[in-house]
Amino acid sequence: MPYFDTDLRTTLIFAVAGIAVGYLSFLFNHTAGAAVFAIIIFIVLYFAVKKLLKVQEEKKWWTTMAIVYFLVWLIVWTVFYNTAVL
């Protein structure tokens, strides 16, 4: 089992995407639009990563990636929003 296995790669991809989408959501300046944008990007990224890394579908593989993506997205979006308000 190599160190940089599929789970670690997918987690890293979704975390970096969460950071990028968090910043882009801040630029939207519209809460509902930013949330819809984040969901759409997650769905597209899910299928792209699944195909690119040839992930064998496990029972709840996507839940871990969803948690990582949305928590990172929410944290980054909140940090940028709060720094703009100050």
C-alpha atoms as a PDB file:
ATOM      1  CA  MET A   1       0.000   0.000   0.000  1.00  0.00           C
ATOM      2  CA  PRO A   2       1.779   3.153  -1.158  1.00  0.00           C
ATOM      3  CA  TYR A   3       1.804   6.240   1.000  1.00  0.00           C
ATOM      4  CA  PHE A   4       0.117   8.463  -1.559  1.00  0.00           C
ATOM      5  CA  ASP A   5      -2.862   6.201  -2.208  1.00  0.00           C
ATOM      6  CA  THR A   6      -6.172   7.078  -3.802  1.00  0.00           C
ATOM      7  CA  ASP A   7      -7.852   8.198  -0.565  1.00  0.00           C
ATOM      8  CA  LEU A   8      -5.101  10.659   0.232  1.00  0.00           C
ATOM      9  CA  ARG A   9      -5.049  12.010  -3.318  1.00  0.00           C
ATOM     10  CA  THR A  10      -8.817  12.507  -3.440  1.00  0.00           C
ATOM     11  CA  THR A  11      -8.828  14.171  -0.029  1.00  0.00           C
ATOM     12  CA  LEU A  12      -6.087  16.546  -1.152  1.00  0.00           C
ATOM     13  CA  ILE A  13      -7.891  17.341  -4.418  1.00  0.00           C
ATOM     14  CA  PHE A  14     -11.163  18.099  -2.655  1.00  0.00           C
ATOM     15  CA  ALA A  15      -9.439  20.187   0.040  1.00  0.00           C
ATOM     16  CA  VAL A  16      -7.636  22.337  -2.548  1.00  0.00           C
ATOM     17  CA  ALA A  17     -10.866  22.665  -4.535  1.00  0.00           C
ATOM     18  CA  GLY A  18     -12.651  23.725  -1.349  1.00  0.00           C
ATOM     19  CA  ILE A  19     -10.105  26.498  -0.836  1.00  0.00           C
ATOM     20  CA  ALA A  20     -10.451  27.727  -4.418  1.00  0.00           C
ATOM     21  CA  VAL A  21     -14.245  27.575  -4.442  1.00  0.00           C
ATOM     22  CA  GLY A  22     -14.368  29.269  -1.031  1.00  0.00           C
ATOM     23  CA  TYR A  23     -12.516  32.238  -2.452  1.00  0.00           C
ATOM     24  CA  LEU A  24     -14.642  32.291  -5.611  1.00  0.00           C
ATOM     25  CA  SER A  25     -17.788  32.144  -3.476  1.00  0.00           C
ATOM     26  CA  PHE A  26     -16.568  35.213  -1.616  1.00  0.00           C
ATOM     27  CA  LEU A  27     -16.236  37.017  -4.942  1.00  0.00           C
ATOM     28  CA  PHE A  28     -19.855  36.110  -5.829  1.00  0.00           C
ATOM     29  CA  ASN A  29     -21.100  38.300  -2.979  1.00  0.00           C
ATOM     30  CA  HIS A  30     -24.434  36.452  -2.978  1.00  0.00           C
ATOM     31  CA  THR A  31     -25.055  33.735  -0.403  1.00  0.00           C
ATOM     32  CA  ALA A  32     -27.483  31.511  -2.296  1.00  0.00           C
ATOM     33  CA  GLY A  33     -25.548  31.806  -5.550  1.00  0.00           C
ATOM     34  CA  ALA A  34     -22.299  30.916  -3.815  1.00  0.00           C
ATOM     35  CA  ALA A  35     -23.849  27.847  -2.179  1.00  0.00           C
ATOM     36  CA  VAL A  36     -25.314  26.633  -5.486  1.00  0.00           C
ATOM     37  CA  PHE A  37     -21.956  27.258  -7.175  1.00  0.00           C
ATOM     38  CA  ALA A  38     -20.164  25.194  -4.514  1.00  0.00           C
ATOM     39  CA  ILE A  39     -22.600  22.302  -4.910  1.00  0.00           C
ATOM     40  CA  ILE A  40     -22.292  22.305  -8.705  1.00  0.00           C
ATOM     41  CA  ILE A  41     -18.492  22.350  -8.525  1.00  0.00           C
ATOM     42  CA  PHE A  42     -18.571  19.452  -6.041  1.00  0.00           C
ATOM     43  CA  ILE A  43     -20.739  17.331  -8.336  1.00  0.00           C
ATOM     44  CA  VAL A  44     -18.535  18.029 -11.372  1.00  0.00           C
ATOM     45  CA  LEU A  45     -15.372  17.414  -9.367  1.00  0.00           C
ATOM     46  CA  TYR A  46     -16.771  14.177  -7.940  1.00  0.00           C
ATOM     47  CA  PHE A  47     -17.303  12.643 -11.363  1.00  0.00           C
ATOM     48  CA  ALA A  48     -14.012  14.001 -12.717  1.00  0.00           C
ATOM     49  CA  VAL A  49     -11.953  12.606  -9.831  1.00  0.00           C
ATOM     50  CA  LYS A  50     -13.791   9.301  -9.918  1.00  0.00           C
ATOM     51  CA  LYS A  51     -12.995   8.901 -13.610  1.00  0.00           C
ATOM     52  CA  LEU A  52      -9.470  10.352 -13.491  1.00  0.00           C
ATOM     53  CA  LEU A  53      -8.266   8.256 -10.547  1.00  0.00           C
ATOM     54  CA  LYS A  54     -10.362   5.216 -11.504  1.00  0.00           C
ATOM     55  CA  VAL A  55     -11.909   4.997  -8.054  1.00  0.00           C
ATOM     56  CA  GLN A  56     -13.738   1.783  -7.384  1.00  0.00           C
ATOM     57  CA  GLU A  57     -17.045   2.830  -5.887  1.00  0.00           C
ATOM     58  CA  GLU A  58     -17.076   1.975  -2.225  1.00  0.00           C
ATOM     59  CA  LYS A  59     -20.196   2.189  -0.128  1.00  0.00           C
ATOM     60  CA  LYS A  60     -19.927   5.791   1.014  1.00  0.00           C
ATOM     61  CA  TRP A  61     -16.720   7.003  -0.647  1.00  0.00           C
ATOM     62  CA  TRP A  62     -18.219  10.342  -1.593  1.00  0.00           C
ATOM     63  CA  THR A  63     -19.332  11.251   1.950  1.00  0.00           C
ATOM     64  CA  THR A  64     -15.773  11.684   3.192  1.00  0.00           C
ATOM     65  CA  MET A  65     -14.922  13.859   0.231  1.00  0.00           C
ATOM     66  CA  ALA A  66     -18.108  15.882   0.665  1.00  0.00           C
ATOM     67  CA  ILE A  67     -17.325  16.544   4.320  1.00  0.00           C
ATOM     68  CA  VAL A  68     -13.766  17.648   3.523  1.00  0.00           C
ATOM     69  CA  TYR A  69     -14.857  19.811   0.585  1.00  0.00           C
ATOM     70  CA  PHE A  70     -17.766  21.579   2.271  1.00  0.00           C
ATOM     71  CA  LEU A  71     -16.005  22.182   5.594  1.00  0.00           C
ATOM     72  CA  VAL A  72     -12.937  23.664   3.893  1.00  0.00           C
ATOM     73  CA  TRP A  73     -15.176  25.692   1.568  1.00  0.00           C
ATOM     74  CA  LEU A  74     -17.227  27.058   4.475  1.00  0.00           C
ATOM     75  CA  ILE A  75     -14.162  27.941   6.548  1.00  0.00           C
ATOM     76  CA  VAL A  76     -12.401  29.722   3.666  1.00  0.00           C
ATOM     77  CA  TRP A  77     -15.560  31.550   2.633  1.00  0.00           C
ATOM     78  CA  THR A  78     -16.170  32.700   6.228  1.00  0.00           C
ATOM     79  CA  VAL A  79     -12.579  33.881   6.683  1.00  0.00           C
ATOM     80  CA  PHE A  80     -12.643  35.936   3.492  1.00  0.00           C
ATOM     81  CA  TYR A  81     -16.093  37.317   4.300  1.00  0.00           C
ATOM     82  CA  ASN A  82     -15.048  38.388   7.793  1.00  0.00           C
ATOM     83  CA  THR A  83     -11.813  39.995   6.624  1.00  0.00           C
ATOM     84  CA  ALA A  84     -13.751  42.016   4.039  1.00  0.00           C
ATOM     85  CA  VAL A  85     -16.224  43.232   6.662  1.00  0.00           C
ATOM     86  CA  LEU A  86     -13.491  44.445   8.986  1.00  0.00           C
END
